[in-house]
Protein backbone atom coordinates (compact mmCIF):
# COMPACT_ATOMS: atom_id res chain seq x y z
CA MET A 1 55.83 46.87 -8.95
CA ALA A 2 54.90 43.58 -10.46
CA SER A 3 54.06 41.19 -7.65
CA THR A 4 51.15 39.77 -5.70
CA ALA A 5 51.87 42.13 -2.80
CA LYS A 6 49.22 44.67 -1.74
CA TRP A 7 50.87 48.02 -1.13
CA ASP A 8 49.89 50.32 1.72
CA ALA A 9 51.16 53.75 0.61
CA GLY A 10 50.63 55.31 4.05
CA LEU A 11 52.60 52.58 5.83
CA TYR A 12 55.29 52.81 3.14
CA ASP A 13 55.85 56.53 3.73
CA ASP A 14 55.40 56.36 7.51
CA LYS A 15 57.62 53.41 8.44
CA HIS A 16 59.68 52.55 5.35
CA SER A 17 61.01 55.86 4.06
CA PHE A 18 64.51 54.34 4.14
CA VAL A 19 63.61 52.75 0.78
CA TRP A 20 63.94 56.08 -1.01
CA LYS A 21 66.10 58.01 1.48
CA MET A 22 69.01 55.58 0.99
CA ALA A 23 69.00 56.07 -2.79
CA ALA A 24 70.86 59.40 -2.91
CA GLY A 25 73.93 57.72 -4.39
CA LEU A 26 71.84 56.12 -7.09
CA VAL A 27 70.42 59.49 -8.15
CA GLU A 28 74.00 60.81 -8.34
CA LEU A 29 74.87 57.85 -10.56
CA LEU A 30 71.95 58.74 -12.84
CA GLU A 31 73.28 62.31 -13.22
CA PRO A 32 69.97 63.77 -14.41
CA LYS A 33 70.28 66.82 -16.63
CA PRO A 34 67.85 69.68 -17.31
CA GLY A 35 65.49 68.92 -20.16
CA GLU A 36 66.20 65.23 -20.52
CA SER A 37 63.40 62.67 -20.18
CA VAL A 38 63.53 60.02 -17.43
CA LEU A 39 61.19 57.09 -16.77
CA ASP A 40 61.04 56.01 -13.10
CA VAL A 41 60.03 52.32 -12.99
CA GLY A 42 58.45 51.36 -9.66
CA CYS A 43 58.19 54.96 -8.48
CA GLY A 44 56.20 54.18 -5.33
CA THR A 45 54.87 57.36 -3.72
CA GLY A 46 57.05 59.55 -5.94
CA HIS A 47 59.69 60.92 -3.57
CA LEU A 48 62.67 59.93 -5.72
CA THR A 49 60.79 60.93 -8.87
CA ALA A 50 60.44 64.43 -7.42
CA GLN A 51 64.10 64.53 -6.36
CA ILE A 52 65.20 63.71 -9.90
CA ALA A 53 62.75 66.24 -11.35
CA ALA A 54 64.34 68.95 -9.19
CA SER A 55 67.37 68.71 -11.50
CA GLY A 56 65.25 70.04 -14.35
CA ALA A 57 64.73 66.63 -15.97
CA LEU A 58 61.27 65.66 -17.26
CA LEU A 59 59.98 62.75 -15.20
CA HIS A 60 57.35 60.07 -15.78
CA GLY A 61 56.76 57.67 -12.90
CA ILE A 62 55.05 54.28 -13.21
CA ASP A 63 54.07 51.75 -10.55
CA GLN A 64 51.77 48.75 -10.48
CA SER A 65 50.09 49.88 -7.24
CA PRO A 66 47.11 52.24 -7.68
CA ASP A 67 47.45 53.26 -4.02
CA MET A 68 51.08 54.30 -4.51
CA ILE A 69 50.25 56.23 -7.69
CA ARG A 70 47.29 57.95 -6.04
CA GLN A 71 49.54 59.18 -3.22
CA ALA A 72 52.30 60.22 -5.64
CA ARG A 73 49.82 62.32 -7.62
CA GLU A 74 48.54 63.96 -4.45
CA LYS A 75 52.03 64.79 -3.18
CA PHE A 76 53.51 65.86 -6.51
CA PRO A 77 50.67 67.04 -8.78
CA GLU A 78 53.10 68.75 -11.16
CA LEU A 79 54.62 65.40 -12.17
CA ARG A 80 53.26 62.65 -14.40
CA PHE A 81 52.42 59.29 -12.82
CA ASP A 82 50.65 56.25 -14.27
CA VAL A 83 49.61 52.82 -13.01
CA MET A 84 51.61 50.32 -15.08
CA ASP A 85 53.08 46.85 -14.60
CA ALA A 86 56.86 46.92 -15.09
CA ARG A 87 56.55 43.67 -17.08
CA GLU A 88 54.27 45.41 -19.56
CA ILE A 89 55.83 48.82 -20.20
CA SER A 90 53.80 50.31 -23.03
CA LEU A 91 54.39 53.97 -23.80
CA GLY A 92 54.25 55.94 -27.02
CA GLU A 93 57.50 57.76 -26.28
CA THR A 94 61.17 57.10 -25.63
CA PHE A 95 63.43 58.32 -22.83
CA ASP A 96 67.00 59.48 -22.31
CA ALA A 97 67.16 57.36 -19.16
CA VAL A 98 65.26 54.69 -17.29
CA PHE A 99 65.67 54.68 -13.51
CA SER A 100 64.54 52.12 -10.94
CA ASN A 101 65.08 51.82 -7.19
CA ALA A 102 64.08 48.91 -4.91
CA THR A 103 61.65 47.44 -7.44
CA LEU A 104 63.17 44.86 -9.75
CA HIS A 105 63.73 42.20 -7.07
CA TRP A 106 59.93 41.86 -6.91
CA ILE A 107 59.73 40.62 -10.49
CA LYS A 108 60.61 37.00 -11.22
CA GLU A 109 60.33 37.58 -14.96
CA PRO A 110 63.27 39.98 -15.40
CA GLU A 111 63.56 39.61 -19.15
CA ARG A 112 60.04 40.94 -19.65
CA VAL A 113 61.07 44.10 -17.80
CA ILE A 114 64.35 44.39 -19.70
CA ARG A 115 62.60 44.08 -23.06
CA GLY A 116 60.28 46.94 -22.10
CA ILE A 117 63.19 49.09 -20.94
CA VAL A 118 65.11 48.49 -24.17
CA LYS A 119 62.01 49.43 -26.16
CA VAL A 120 61.61 52.84 -24.48
CA LEU A 121 65.30 53.85 -24.31
CA LYS A 122 66.62 56.26 -26.92
CA PRO A 123 69.84 55.25 -28.74
CA GLY A 124 72.66 55.90 -26.28
CA GLY A 125 70.16 56.11 -23.43
CA ARG A 126 71.07 54.78 -20.01
CA PHE A 127 69.47 52.38 -17.55
CA VAL A 128 70.32 52.99 -13.88
CA ALA A 129 68.93 50.69 -11.21
CA GLU A 130 69.38 49.37 -7.70
CA PHE A 131 67.57 46.43 -6.12
CA GLY A 132 68.12 43.39 -3.94
CA GLY A 133 71.05 41.25 -5.10
CA LYS A 134 72.37 37.78 -4.39
CA GLY A 135 72.34 37.07 -0.64
CA ASN A 136 69.83 39.81 0.19
CA VAL A 137 67.96 39.17 3.48
CA ALA A 138 69.66 35.77 3.76
CA TRP A 139 69.35 35.66 7.55
CA LEU A 140 65.70 36.66 7.40
CA MET A 141 64.95 33.92 4.86
CA ALA A 142 66.79 31.34 6.98
CA ALA A 143 64.63 32.37 9.96
CA ALA A 144 61.48 32.30 7.83
CA GLU A 145 62.26 28.81 6.53
CA CYS A 146 62.83 27.49 10.07
CA ALA A 147 59.59 29.08 11.22
CA TRP A 148 57.67 27.75 8.22
CA ASN A 149 58.99 24.22 8.71
CA LYS A 150 57.71 24.26 12.30
CA LEU A 151 54.29 25.43 11.18
CA ARG A 152 53.95 23.52 7.91
CA PRO A 153 56.49 20.67 7.98
CA GLY A 154 57.16 19.06 4.61
CA THR A 155 55.86 22.07 2.66
CA PRO A 156 58.56 24.23 1.04
CA LEU A 157 58.58 27.98 1.56
CA GLU A 158 59.02 29.73 -1.78
CA SER A 159 60.80 33.08 -1.85
CA PRO A 160 58.76 35.79 -3.62
CA TRP A 161 61.89 37.66 -4.68
CA PHE A 162 64.47 37.66 -7.49
CA TYR A 163 67.98 38.31 -6.14
CA PRO A 164 70.50 37.89 -8.98
CA SER A 165 74.28 37.98 -8.93
CA VAL A 166 76.22 40.62 -10.87
CA ALA A 167 77.07 38.09 -13.58
CA GLU A 168 73.50 36.82 -13.88
CA TYR A 169 71.89 40.22 -14.28
CA ALA A 170 74.62 41.74 -16.43
CA GLY A 171 74.29 38.72 -18.71
CA LEU A 172 70.55 39.30 -19.07
CA LEU A 173 71.05 42.96 -19.95
CA GLU A 174 73.74 42.24 -22.52
CA ARG A 175 71.66 39.46 -24.06
CA HIS A 176 69.10 42.15 -24.86
CA GLY A 177 71.59 44.58 -26.37
CA LEU A 178 72.47 46.79 -23.40
CA GLU A 179 76.13 47.43 -22.56
CA VAL A 180 76.82 47.20 -18.82
CA THR A 181 79.23 49.95 -17.80
CA TYR A 182 78.97 49.63 -14.00
CA ALA A 183 77.88 46.84 -11.66
CA LEU A 184 78.32 46.55 -7.90
CA LEU A 185 76.96 44.12 -5.29
CA PHE A 186 77.35 45.47 -1.76
CA ASP A 187 76.14 44.98 1.81
CA ARG A 188 73.80 47.59 3.24
CA PRO A 189 72.69 46.72 6.79
CA THR A 190 69.48 48.72 7.20
CA PRO A 191 68.02 49.73 10.59
CA LEU A 192 64.24 49.46 10.71
CA GLU A 193 61.92 51.94 12.39
CA ASP A 194 59.39 50.97 15.08
CA GLY A 195 61.76 49.52 17.71
CA GLU A 196 60.93 45.98 18.77
CA ARG A 197 58.03 45.91 16.29
CA GLY A 198 60.33 46.76 13.38
CA LEU A 199 60.54 43.30 11.84
CA ARG A 200 56.81 42.75 12.26
CA THR A 201 56.12 46.08 10.52
CA TRP A 202 58.56 45.15 7.74
CA LEU A 203 56.80 41.82 7.24
CA GLU A 204 53.45 43.59 7.17
CA MET A 205 54.69 45.83 4.36
CA PHE A 206 56.95 43.54 2.35
CA GLY A 207 56.35 39.99 3.56
CA GLY A 208 52.76 39.48 2.48
CA SER A 209 53.88 36.97 -0.13
CA LEU A 210 55.40 34.89 2.68
CA THR A 211 52.55 35.13 5.17
CA GLY A 212 49.46 36.30 3.30
CA LYS A 213 48.18 32.89 2.21
CA LEU A 214 47.85 31.66 5.78
CA PRO A 215 44.78 32.03 8.01
CA MET A 216 45.16 34.93 10.45
CA GLU A 217 45.93 32.74 13.48
CA GLU A 218 48.65 30.79 11.63
CA ARG A 219 50.05 34.00 10.19
CA GLU A 220 50.51 35.43 13.68
CA ARG A 221 52.24 32.26 14.84
CA LEU A 222 54.54 32.38 11.81
CA VAL A 223 55.50 36.02 12.42
CA GLU A 224 56.19 35.35 16.10
CA GLU A 225 58.40 32.38 15.19
CA ILE A 226 60.27 34.38 12.53
CA GLU A 227 60.95 37.06 15.14
CA ARG A 228 62.21 34.45 17.58
CA GLN A 229 64.44 32.74 15.01
CA ALA A 230 65.87 36.00 13.63
CA HIS A 231 66.37 37.84 16.93
CA GLY A 232 69.92 36.68 17.59
CA LYS A 233 71.22 37.81 14.20
CA LEU A 234 69.07 40.79 13.26
CA PHE A 235 68.11 42.53 16.55
CA LYS A 236 70.88 44.88 17.68
CA ASP A 237 70.94 47.66 20.29
CA GLY A 238 67.18 47.86 20.61
CA GLN A 239 66.24 47.72 16.94
CA TRP A 240 66.01 45.35 14.00
CA VAL A 241 68.69 45.68 11.32
CA MET A 242 67.90 44.00 8.01
CA ASP A 243 70.72 42.20 6.22
CA TYR A 244 70.27 43.94 2.89
CA ARG A 245 72.58 43.38 -0.09
CA ARG A 246 72.03 45.66 -3.06
CA LEU A 247 72.88 45.29 -6.73
CA ARG A 248 73.59 48.58 -8.48
CA ILE A 249 73.70 48.64 -12.29
CA VAL A 250 74.35 51.14 -15.09
CA ALA A 251 73.89 50.10 -18.72
CA ARG A 252 73.58 51.88 -22.06
CA SER A 253 71.63 51.17 -25.21
CA GLY A 254 73.43 50.91 -28.53
C-alpha cells in the first residue's frame, strides 16, 4: 500500500481479518481460472492471494509494507510476493488480471496506480478491485474532525484517504483506456473485533495518519475524544460498527 502508514502485520491478522474475509464476493467477481496469471496489488499478509491461487491461477502479490510481505512469505511460501509501491508498479511481465482489495483508498495519486495497471495488463485483461468509496467512514471522520477541533482549534484535519464516487473513478479508468463493465457503490456496516476497544484498535491499525503526528499525550486525548464523539452513531449492542461504503469495479483493457 502506498501511504505513510506503518503496518503491523500481526495486528492486521489478529484483529482486522474482516478486511480479507469480507472479500469472497470480489474473488467470485474475478473468476480466476487455472493457469492464468493474476497480480494482487496491496496483498497484505497474502490470505486472499492464497485463496485465488487455490483456483489454479498463478499469483504474484505486491505490497508496500515489508512487514506484510514478510508474513505473507512465511504463511504461503509456495507463492510469489514482492515489496512494491502500487504507484510504481514495475514488472517485466504482463497479467491476465489485476486484483486489488481494500488498498486503493490509501493512494491519493490514483492515476499513477492506473497507469501501472494498464502497463501490466494483457490485451483483453481485466482489472477487478474493491476499496473505500464516496461516503466511506463519514461518521468516523465527522467525529474525528470534532475531536481535532477541540484539541487543535483553527487547524484543519486532512483525511489520509481517497474515496471516489463511481463516476469519478470510472472516468479515471476510461481516460487511461480501460472499459468499465461493472461498478457498484454500496454500504457495508462492519463490526469490529475487541469489544469496547474496537475503535481504538482500528485507529491503531488504520488511523496513524490521523493521530501519528501528535505527541503521545495529545494522541491519547484525541482518541478518547473520537470515541466519545462517535459512540452514539457507531457503538451498537456492545461493539463498534464502522460505517463502511465500498466501491467495487471491473474493467477491461482494449
